[in-house]
C-alpha cells in the first residue's frame, strides 16, 4: 500500500507541476510574429503610401477603414478636458464610457457632476470601469453615481475562480456621445491629466476626438466589454446611431478622413495589436515616428525596427525618461537601447514630465492614436483601442506634435548610453526578466 500511496502522490505532484508550468507559460506568453513577408512579390510588403496598404491593414486587423471622418488630435489635458466636458454637457440621448485609469480628485468630481446632471436631463449614461485600473475610486463615489441613475459595471473583477483573467485588463478608452462623437487615446480620470504636459506632475498625452463611421466601431468595442461585464449585449439603431437605410448617419460636408477603430483583444496566437504594429513598421519607407509611454519591444519587434532602418527609414522613438510612473518598464525598455541604437534607431526620452502618449505616424500618411503600448502586455494581454487614420492631414498633425515634443526631449546616443551608471545596468537586467508581464 505504501508503494501505491507513493505512486499516487508522485502522479499528483506531476500533475500539479504540469499545470503550474502551463500557467506560467500562459501568463508570460508573447506574440508569434517575427517577420513580415510578401510571398511571390518582389517588392515586398506594401508601403504606407501604396493603395494596397490600407486594404492589407483591413484584412489582417479585421478593421474596416471608411471615409467620412473628422479627426482632432489633442495633446494635453488643457486641450482635451474642456472639449470633452463640453461634449458631455451637450449630450441629448446617451453617453457610454469605458475607462481604465480612475483616481479620486477634482477631475473625477467634475466628471461625476456632469454625467449626473445629464442623467437628470434624461440622458442614458453607461459607465464600464476596469476593476484594477479604477480600484482607487471609493465605494461612496460609485454609490453616488448609481443612486443618481448612472449604470455602472465593473470589468473583470478579481475573483478566486477567475484568476486566469487577472492579467487581461481592459486598457481601452471609450467615450461615445449620442452615438455621434467618439474619443480614444491614453487619457483617464486623474488630476495629473490637467495641464500642458510640459511641467512635472502634468502628464503629456494624446487623444483623438472623431466623428464618422469609426464612432460605431468604438461603440461596438464598448458593447463587447459591457456584454462580458453584465451579460447584456447592447444593439439597435439608437445605440449605434444607424440611419433607416442601414448606413451610418451622415457626417458634415468636408469630413473626409479615412479612418477606422481597431479593437485589440487578447488571444493565444497572433493578436490584432501585434499585426497592426508589424504592418505599420513594415509599411514605412521614409520615416516612422513612434511616441509610446511604455516602450518595451520584444526581440522580434527590435528586428523589425532595425530592418526598417536598413531600408532607409528614419525611425525615431519618443519615450519617457526617469519621470516614468512605472520604473520597471522604464528600465526594461532601456535594456533594448544598445541593440536599437546600434542598428540606427534614434531614441529620445521626454524630460519635461511623464509622457503617456501612444501614437504612430509613417511616411506622412499613416497615423494612429490610442491606448496601445509598445510592450507585451498591450500586444498579448490587454484589450486596447486605436484610431487608425489614412490621411495626410492627421499624419501631418502627429508629425508636428512629435517635432514639438522633441524640443522637450533628450536624444540618447549609443556612446552616451554606454556611460550610464553600473547600477542602472543591474536594474535593466533585472527588469527585463519581467518584460513579458509588464
Protein backbone atom coordinates (compact mmCIF):
# COMPACT_ATOMS: atom_id res chain seq x y z
CA UNK A 1 0.00 0.00 0.00
CA UNK A 2 2.83 2.37 0.77
CA UNK A 3 4.17 1.97 -2.79
CA UNK A 4 0.70 2.67 -4.17
CA UNK A 5 0.38 5.75 -1.99
CA UNK A 6 3.83 6.99 -3.02
CA UNK A 7 2.95 6.36 -6.66
CA UNK A 8 -0.34 8.25 -6.32
CA UNK A 9 1.39 11.16 -4.64
CA UNK A 10 4.00 11.17 -7.39
CA UNK A 11 1.32 11.35 -10.06
CA UNK A 12 -0.43 14.13 -8.16
CA UNK A 13 2.80 16.13 -7.83
CA UNK A 14 3.49 15.61 -11.55
CA UNK A 15 0.01 16.85 -12.49
CA UNK A 16 0.37 19.92 -10.24
CA UNK A 17 3.76 20.73 -11.74
CA UNK A 18 2.43 20.35 -15.28
CA UNK A 19 -0.47 22.69 -14.60
CA UNK A 20 1.84 25.11 -12.82
CA UNK A 21 4.13 25.10 -15.84
CA UNK A 22 1.21 25.64 -18.21
CA UNK A 23 0.06 28.53 -16.02
CA UNK A 24 3.49 30.15 -16.01
CA UNK A 25 3.78 29.81 -19.78
CA UNK A 26 0.28 31.21 -20.18
CA UNK A 27 0.81 34.33 -18.11
CA UNK A 28 4.22 35.01 -19.68
CA UNK A 29 3.34 34.27 -23.30
CA UNK A 30 4.45 36.58 -26.06
CA UNK A 31 3.29 37.14 -29.63
CA UNK A 32 4.49 34.99 -32.55
CA UNK A 33 5.12 37.35 -35.50
CA UNK A 34 8.83 37.51 -36.36
CA UNK A 35 8.89 38.88 -39.90
CA UNK A 36 6.56 40.47 -42.45
CA UNK A 37 6.81 38.84 -45.88
CA UNK A 38 5.00 39.09 -49.23
CA UNK A 39 5.43 35.66 -50.91
CA UNK A 40 5.83 35.92 -54.68
CA UNK A 41 6.00 39.72 -54.57
CA UNK A 42 9.49 41.04 -55.26
CA UNK A 43 8.51 44.48 -53.96
CA UNK A 44 7.83 43.05 -50.51
CA UNK A 45 5.07 44.17 -48.13
CA UNK A 46 3.07 47.18 -49.37
CA UNK A 47 4.44 50.59 -48.48
CA UNK A 48 2.34 53.01 -46.46
CA UNK A 49 1.73 55.25 -49.47
CA UNK A 50 0.58 52.40 -51.71
CA UNK A 51 -3.16 51.99 -52.23
CA UNK A 52 -2.99 48.34 -51.17
CA UNK A 53 -1.55 49.23 -47.76
CA UNK A 54 -4.83 50.24 -46.06
CA UNK A 55 -6.57 47.26 -47.68
CA UNK A 56 -3.89 44.98 -46.21
CA UNK A 57 -4.33 46.51 -42.77
CA UNK A 58 -8.09 45.97 -43.01
CA UNK A 59 -7.66 42.30 -43.88
CA UNK A 60 -5.08 41.49 -41.23
CA UNK A 61 -6.55 43.50 -38.35
CA UNK A 62 -10.19 42.80 -39.30
CA UNK A 63 -10.94 46.52 -39.05
CA UNK A 64 -12.60 48.38 -41.90
CA UNK A 65 -11.36 51.85 -42.82
CA UNK A 66 -14.04 54.25 -44.07
CA UNK A 67 -14.02 57.83 -45.39
CA UNK A 68 -16.27 60.45 -43.84
CA UNK A 69 -14.44 61.28 -40.61
CA UNK A 70 -13.40 64.46 -38.89
CA UNK A 71 -10.46 63.90 -36.53
CA UNK A 72 -8.96 66.23 -33.93
CA UNK A 73 -5.73 65.43 -32.09
CA UNK A 74 -5.36 66.84 -28.59
CA UNK A 75 -2.04 66.64 -26.76
CA UNK A 76 -2.71 67.58 -23.15
CA UNK A 77 -5.45 67.93 -20.57
CA UNK A 78 -5.77 71.65 -21.17
CA UNK A 79 -6.81 70.84 -24.74
CA UNK A 80 -8.80 67.69 -24.04
CA UNK A 81 -10.95 68.20 -20.99
CA UNK A 82 -12.70 71.50 -21.84
CA UNK A 83 -13.66 69.88 -25.18
CA UNK A 84 -14.72 66.60 -23.58
CA UNK A 85 -16.70 68.24 -20.77
CA UNK A 86 -18.49 70.41 -23.34
CA UNK A 87 -19.44 67.37 -25.44
CA UNK A 88 -20.72 65.54 -22.37
CA UNK A 89 -22.75 68.54 -21.23
CA UNK A 90 -24.37 68.71 -24.68
CA UNK A 91 -25.34 65.03 -24.79
CA UNK A 92 -29.01 64.61 -25.62
CA UNK A 93 -29.60 60.86 -25.72
CA UNK A 94 -26.74 58.70 -24.48
CA UNK A 95 -23.21 58.62 -23.07
CA UNK A 96 -21.14 55.43 -22.99
CA UNK A 97 -17.81 55.38 -21.17
CA UNK A 98 -15.19 52.69 -20.71
CA UNK A 99 -12.12 53.76 -18.77
CA UNK A 100 -9.12 52.03 -17.30
CA UNK A 101 -7.37 54.57 -15.09
CA UNK A 102 -9.51 56.38 -12.50
CA UNK A 103 -8.48 58.15 -9.30
CA UNK A 104 -10.45 60.38 -6.92
CA UNK A 105 -9.88 64.11 -7.13
CA UNK A 106 -11.06 67.28 -8.81
CA UNK A 107 -11.31 65.66 -12.25
CA UNK A 108 -13.37 62.72 -11.01
CA UNK A 109 -15.66 65.13 -9.15
CA UNK A 110 -16.21 67.29 -12.25
CA UNK A 111 -16.90 64.17 -14.28
CA UNK A 112 -19.49 62.97 -11.75
CA UNK A 113 -21.29 66.30 -11.63
CA UNK A 114 -21.54 66.45 -15.42
CA UNK A 115 -22.87 62.95 -16.00
CA UNK A 116 -25.27 63.12 -13.05
CA UNK A 117 -26.70 66.34 -14.44
CA UNK A 118 -27.12 64.66 -17.83
CA UNK A 119 -28.93 61.71 -16.24
CA UNK A 120 -31.32 64.16 -14.59
CA UNK A 121 -31.91 65.64 -18.05
CA UNK A 122 -32.97 62.23 -19.37
CA UNK A 123 -29.68 61.09 -20.91
CA UNK A 124 -28.81 57.40 -20.54
CA UNK A 125 -25.29 57.03 -19.11
CA UNK A 126 -23.39 53.72 -19.05
CA UNK A 127 -20.01 53.58 -17.31
CA UNK A 128 -17.78 50.50 -17.59
CA UNK A 129 -14.72 50.68 -15.37
CA UNK A 130 -11.81 48.29 -15.17
CA UNK A 131 -11.64 46.56 -11.80
CA UNK A 132 -7.89 47.07 -11.49
CA UNK A 133 -7.34 50.49 -13.06
CA UNK A 134 -10.32 52.12 -11.34
CA UNK A 135 -9.85 50.43 -7.97
CA UNK A 136 -8.83 53.71 -6.25
CA UNK A 137 -12.33 55.15 -6.74
CA UNK A 138 -14.03 54.84 -3.32
CA UNK A 139 -17.27 52.93 -2.90
CA UNK A 140 -19.03 56.16 -1.93
CA UNK A 141 -18.18 57.65 -5.32
CA UNK A 142 -19.62 54.68 -7.22
CA UNK A 143 -22.71 54.63 -4.99
CA UNK A 144 -23.29 58.30 -5.74
CA UNK A 145 -23.22 57.62 -9.48
CA UNK A 146 -25.53 54.64 -9.19
CA UNK A 147 -28.01 56.42 -6.94
CA UNK A 148 -28.05 59.26 -9.45
CA UNK A 149 -29.09 56.89 -12.24
CA UNK A 150 -25.75 56.08 -13.90
CA UNK A 151 -25.46 52.42 -14.89
CA UNK A 152 -22.05 51.30 -13.61
CA UNK A 153 -20.44 47.93 -14.35
CA UNK A 154 -17.04 46.51 -13.38
CA UNK A 155 -14.86 44.81 -15.96
CA UNK A 156 -13.22 41.56 -14.80
CA UNK A 157 -13.33 41.92 -11.02
CA UNK A 158 -10.78 39.80 -9.18
CA UNK A 159 -12.39 36.57 -8.00
CA UNK A 160 -10.59 33.41 -6.91
CA UNK A 161 -12.42 31.32 -9.52
CA UNK A 162 -11.48 33.75 -12.29
CA UNK A 163 -7.81 34.31 -11.51
CA UNK A 164 -6.91 33.26 -15.06
CA UNK A 165 -8.42 36.58 -16.20
CA UNK A 166 -6.45 38.78 -13.83
CA UNK A 167 -3.70 39.66 -16.31
CA UNK A 168 -6.23 40.51 -19.05
CA UNK A 169 -7.20 44.11 -18.36
CA UNK A 170 -9.49 46.47 -20.23
CA UNK A 171 -6.96 49.16 -21.07
CA UNK A 172 -9.43 50.63 -23.58
CA UNK A 173 -10.53 54.27 -23.55
CA UNK A 174 -14.06 54.81 -24.85
CA UNK A 175 -16.22 57.90 -24.74
CA UNK A 176 -19.19 57.98 -27.13
CA UNK A 177 -21.69 60.83 -27.02
CA UNK A 178 -25.10 60.33 -28.66
CA UNK A 179 -23.56 57.71 -30.96
CA UNK A 180 -22.02 60.59 -32.96
CA UNK A 181 -18.83 61.71 -31.20
CA UNK A 182 -16.02 59.42 -30.09
CA UNK A 183 -12.88 59.81 -28.02
CA UNK A 184 -9.98 57.41 -27.54
CA UNK A 185 -6.36 57.72 -26.52
CA UNK A 186 -4.38 57.36 -23.32
CA UNK A 187 -6.42 59.64 -21.03
CA UNK A 188 -8.09 58.73 -17.75
CA UNK A 189 -9.76 60.27 -14.73
CA UNK A 190 -6.96 61.74 -12.63
CA UNK A 191 -5.83 65.26 -11.84
CA UNK A 192 -2.41 64.62 -13.37
CA UNK A 193 -4.00 64.90 -16.81
CA UNK A 194 -4.72 68.58 -16.18
CA UNK A 195 -2.11 70.97 -17.54
CA UNK A 196 0.00 71.34 -20.67
CA UNK A 197 2.15 68.23 -20.30
CA UNK A 198 5.29 70.34 -20.14
CA UNK A 199 5.68 70.50 -16.37
CA UNK A 200 6.36 67.85 -13.74
CA UNK A 201 3.12 66.39 -12.41
CA UNK A 202 1.21 67.19 -15.63
CA UNK A 203 1.10 64.18 -17.93
CA UNK A 204 1.71 64.69 -21.64
CA UNK A 205 -0.83 62.55 -23.52
CA UNK A 206 -2.52 62.28 -26.92
CA UNK A 207 -6.22 61.85 -27.58
CA UNK A 208 -8.32 61.64 -30.74
CA UNK A 209 -11.79 63.16 -30.94
CA UNK A 210 -13.61 62.00 -34.04
CA UNK A 211 -16.93 61.78 -35.82
CA UNK A 212 -17.90 59.39 -38.59
CA UNK A 213 -18.28 55.60 -39.01
CA UNK A 214 -15.46 54.77 -36.58
CA UNK A 215 -17.69 56.01 -33.76
CA UNK A 216 -19.89 52.97 -34.39
CA UNK A 217 -16.80 50.76 -34.18
CA UNK A 218 -15.90 52.40 -30.88
CA UNK A 219 -19.45 51.86 -29.67
CA UNK A 220 -19.19 48.18 -30.67
CA UNK A 221 -15.98 47.97 -28.63
CA UNK A 222 -17.91 49.23 -25.62
CA UNK A 223 -20.76 46.79 -26.31
CA UNK A 224 -18.31 43.88 -26.25
CA UNK A 225 -16.96 44.83 -22.83
CA UNK A 226 -20.43 45.62 -21.44
CA UNK A 227 -21.70 42.19 -22.55
CA UNK A 228 -18.90 40.45 -20.68
CA UNK A 229 -19.37 42.54 -17.55
CA UNK A 230 -23.18 42.46 -17.37
CA UNK A 231 -24.40 39.67 -19.63
CA UNK A 232 -26.36 42.22 -21.68
CA UNK A 233 -25.47 42.70 -25.35
CA UNK A 234 -26.40 46.19 -26.48
CA UNK A 235 -27.55 46.83 -30.04
CA UNK A 236 -30.15 48.71 -32.07
CA UNK A 237 -30.31 51.74 -34.34
CA UNK A 238 -30.44 54.17 -31.42
CA UNK A 239 -27.35 52.68 -29.75
CA UNK A 240 -25.30 52.62 -32.97
CA UNK A 241 -26.90 55.72 -34.49
CA UNK A 242 -27.74 53.92 -37.74
CA UNK A 243 -29.96 55.58 -40.33
CA UNK A 244 -33.07 53.86 -41.73
CA UNK A 245 -31.22 52.79 -44.88
CA UNK A 246 -28.72 50.88 -42.76
CA UNK A 247 -25.89 53.31 -43.45
CA UNK A 248 -24.03 55.31 -40.79
CA UNK A 249 -25.61 58.66 -40.04
CA UNK A 250 -24.34 61.34 -42.46
CA UNK A 251 -21.40 63.49 -41.49
CA UNK A 252 -20.80 67.14 -42.26
CA UNK A 253 -19.60 68.11 -45.70
CA UNK A 254 -15.82 68.10 -45.81
CA UNK A 255 -15.36 65.39 -43.17
CA UNK A 256 -13.43 63.04 -45.42
CA UNK A 257 -10.68 61.46 -43.32
CA UNK A 258 -10.34 57.72 -43.98
CA UNK A 259 -10.21 56.02 -40.58
CA UNK A 260 -11.20 53.01 -38.51
CA UNK A 261 -11.26 52.00 -34.85
CA UNK A 262 -9.10 48.98 -34.07
CA UNK A 263 -10.31 46.92 -31.11
CA UNK A 264 -7.38 44.82 -29.94
CA UNK A 265 -8.35 41.85 -27.82
CA UNK A 266 -6.12 39.12 -26.35
CA UNK A 267 -5.79 35.66 -27.82
CA UNK A 268 -3.40 32.75 -27.55
CA UNK A 269 -1.91 33.37 -31.00
CA UNK A 270 -1.20 36.40 -33.12
CA UNK A 271 -3.20 39.41 -31.95
CA UNK A 272 -4.66 42.38 -33.85
CA UNK A 273 -2.39 44.70 -31.86
CA UNK A 274 0.71 42.77 -32.92
CA UNK A 275 -0.35 42.62 -36.58
CA UNK A 276 -1.17 46.33 -36.65
CA UNK A 277 2.23 47.26 -35.27
CA UNK A 278 4.14 44.84 -37.51
CA UNK A 279 2.36 46.06 -40.64
CA UNK A 280 2.93 49.70 -39.71
CA UNK A 281 6.66 49.15 -39.25
CA UNK A 282 6.97 47.06 -42.43
CA UNK A 283 5.00 49.66 -44.41
CA UNK A 284 7.26 52.60 -43.60
CA UNK A 285 9.55 53.65 -46.46
CA UNK A 286 10.69 57.15 -45.48
CA UNK A 287 10.04 57.80 -41.78
CA UNK A 288 8.46 56.09 -38.81
CA UNK A 289 7.96 58.16 -35.68
CA UNK A 290 6.58 56.43 -32.60
CA UNK A 291 5.66 58.01 -29.27
CA UNK A 292 4.99 55.43 -26.58
CA UNK A 293 4.89 55.66 -22.82
CA UNK A 294 5.87 52.04 -22.17
CA UNK A 295 8.34 51.08 -24.87
CA UNK A 296 9.50 47.51 -24.26
CA UNK A 297 9.62 45.80 -27.68
CA UNK A 298 10.45 42.11 -27.80
CA UNK A 299 13.41 40.85 -29.84
CA UNK A 300 11.31 40.36 -32.97
CA UNK A 301 9.98 43.92 -32.94
CA UNK A 302 13.53 45.14 -32.36
CA UNK A 303 14.46 43.22 -35.52
CA UNK A 304 11.58 44.79 -37.47
CA UNK A 305 12.67 48.27 -36.42
CA UNK A 306 16.28 47.50 -37.34
CA UNK A 307 15.20 46.16 -40.75
CA UNK A 308 13.26 49.38 -41.34
CA UNK A 309 16.42 51.41 -40.72
CA UNK A 310 18.34 49.21 -43.17
CA UNK A 311 15.90 50.02 -45.95
CA UNK A 312 16.45 53.72 -45.33
CA UNK A 313 13.62 54.60 -42.94
CA UNK A 314 14.11 57.40 -40.41
CA UNK A 315 12.99 55.51 -37.29
CA UNK A 316 12.53 57.62 -34.17
CA UNK A 317 11.18 56.57 -30.78
CA UNK A 318 9.98 59.01 -28.12
CA UNK A 319 9.50 57.53 -24.65
CA UNK A 320 9.64 58.81 -21.04
CA UNK A 321 12.80 59.41 -19.07
CA UNK A 322 13.01 58.88 -15.32
CA UNK A 323 9.69 60.68 -14.93
CA UNK A 324 8.08 57.37 -15.96
CA UNK A 325 5.44 56.25 -13.49
CA UNK A 326 6.43 52.58 -13.99
CA UNK A 327 10.14 52.34 -13.30
CA UNK A 328 10.29 48.63 -14.05
CA UNK A 329 9.05 49.28 -17.58
CA UNK A 330 11.47 52.20 -17.94
CA UNK A 331 14.48 50.02 -17.12
CA UNK A 332 13.23 47.05 -19.13
CA UNK A 333 12.85 49.30 -22.17
CA UNK A 334 16.35 50.72 -21.72
CA UNK A 335 17.75 47.21 -21.83
CA UNK A 336 16.82 47.25 -25.56
CA UNK A 337 18.60 50.54 -26.28
CA UNK A 338 22.06 49.21 -27.24
CA UNK A 339 20.59 46.86 -29.84
CA UNK A 340 18.30 49.50 -31.33
CA UNK A 341 20.81 52.36 -31.21
CA UNK A 342 23.43 50.13 -32.79
CA UNK A 343 21.00 49.43 -35.64
CA UNK A 344 20.45 53.14 -36.26
CA UNK A 345 17.14 53.67 -34.47
CA UNK A 346 17.04 57.14 -32.89
CA UNK A 347 15.69 57.21 -29.33
CA UNK A 348 14.54 60.29 -27.44
CA UNK A 349 13.48 60.50 -23.80
CA UNK A 350 10.86 63.10 -22.89
CA UNK A 351 12.26 65.08 -19.97
CA UNK A 352 9.61 67.69 -19.13
CA UNK A 353 7.15 65.35 -17.41
CA UNK A 354 5.62 61.90 -17.70
CA UNK A 355 4.93 61.22 -21.40
CA UNK A 356 1.89 58.92 -21.64
CA UNK A 357 1.07 59.21 -25.37
CA UNK A 358 0.69 56.20 -27.67
CA UNK A 359 0.94 57.41 -31.27
CA UNK A 360 2.47 56.29 -34.55
CA UNK A 361 2.95 58.05 -37.88
CA UNK A 362 4.52 56.59 -41.03
CA UNK A 363 5.51 58.32 -44.27
CA UNK A 364 3.27 61.31 -43.63
CA UNK A 365 0.09 59.39 -44.41
CA UNK A 366 -0.48 56.53 -41.93
CA UNK A 367 -1.34 57.61 -38.37
CA UNK A 368 -2.60 56.06 -35.16
CA UNK A 369 -3.65 57.31 -31.72
CA UNK A 370 -4.87 55.02 -28.98
CA UNK A 371 -4.30 53.16 -25.75
CA UNK A 372 -1.92 50.54 -27.15
CA UNK A 373 1.53 50.47 -25.56
CA UNK A 374 4.61 49.04 -27.26
CA UNK A 375 5.02 46.23 -24.75
CA UNK A 376 4.00 42.62 -24.36
CA UNK A 377 1.09 43.44 -22.06
CA UNK A 378 -0.65 45.53 -24.71
CA UNK A 379 0.29 43.17 -27.53
CA UNK A 380 -0.76 39.93 -25.83
CA UNK A 381 -2.89 40.50 -22.74
CA UNK A 382 -4.91 43.71 -22.74
CA UNK A 383 -7.99 44.92 -24.57
CA UNK A 384 -6.92 48.10 -26.38
CA UNK A 385 -8.43 50.74 -28.67
CA UNK A 386 -6.62 52.52 -31.52
CA UNK A 387 -7.93 55.04 -34.02
CA UNK A 388 -6.13 54.36 -37.32
CA UNK A 389 -6.21 57.07 -39.98
CA UNK A 390 -5.01 57.01 -43.58
CA UNK A 391 -4.82 60.73 -44.11
CA UNK A 392 -2.05 63.25 -44.73
CA UNK A 393 -3.62 65.94 -42.55
CA UNK A 394 -3.89 63.72 -39.47
CA UNK A 395 -0.38 62.38 -40.10
CA UNK A 396 0.95 65.92 -40.52
CA UNK A 397 -0.61 66.92 -37.22
CA UNK A 398 1.05 63.99 -35.42
CA UNK A 399 4.39 64.74 -37.04
CA UNK A 400 4.09 68.35 -35.90
CA UNK A 401 3.33 67.19 -32.35
CA UNK A 402 6.30 64.82 -32.46
CA UNK A 403 8.67 67.58 -33.57
CA UNK A 404 7.39 69.87 -30.81
CA UNK A 405 7.84 67.12 -28.21
CA UNK A 406 11.47 66.66 -29.27
CA UNK A 407 12.14 70.19 -28.01
CA UNK A 408 11.45 68.80 -24.52
CA UNK A 409 13.39 65.57 -25.00
CA UNK A 410 16.97 64.35 -24.84
CA UNK A 411 18.37 62.16 -27.59
CA UNK A 412 20.08 59.05 -26.30
CA UNK A 413 23.21 58.19 -28.25
CA UNK A 414 24.99 54.86 -28.02
CA UNK A 415 28.16 56.47 -26.68
CA UNK A 416 26.18 58.36 -24.02
CA UNK A 417 24.20 55.30 -23.06
CA UNK A 418 27.31 53.19 -22.59
CA UNK A 419 28.45 55.65 -19.90
CA UNK A 420 25.36 55.12 -17.73
CA UNK A 421 25.91 54.11 -14.07
CA UNK A 422 26.60 50.45 -13.31
CA UNK A 423 23.56 50.19 -11.03
CA UNK A 424 21.33 51.21 -13.96
CA UNK A 425 22.71 48.22 -15.84
CA UNK A 426 21.80 45.96 -12.93
CA UNK A 427 18.26 47.35 -12.77
CA UNK A 428 17.87 46.96 -16.54
CA UNK A 429 18.87 43.29 -16.40
CA UNK A 430 16.51 42.65 -13.52
CA UNK A 431 13.60 44.48 -15.14
CA UNK A 432 13.95 42.79 -18.50
CA UNK A 433 13.37 39.43 -16.81
CA UNK A 434 9.84 40.68 -16.09
CA UNK A 435 9.24 42.21 -19.52
CA UNK A 436 6.68 39.59 -20.60
CA UNK A 437 4.26 40.65 -17.84
CA UNK A 438 4.90 44.41 -17.73
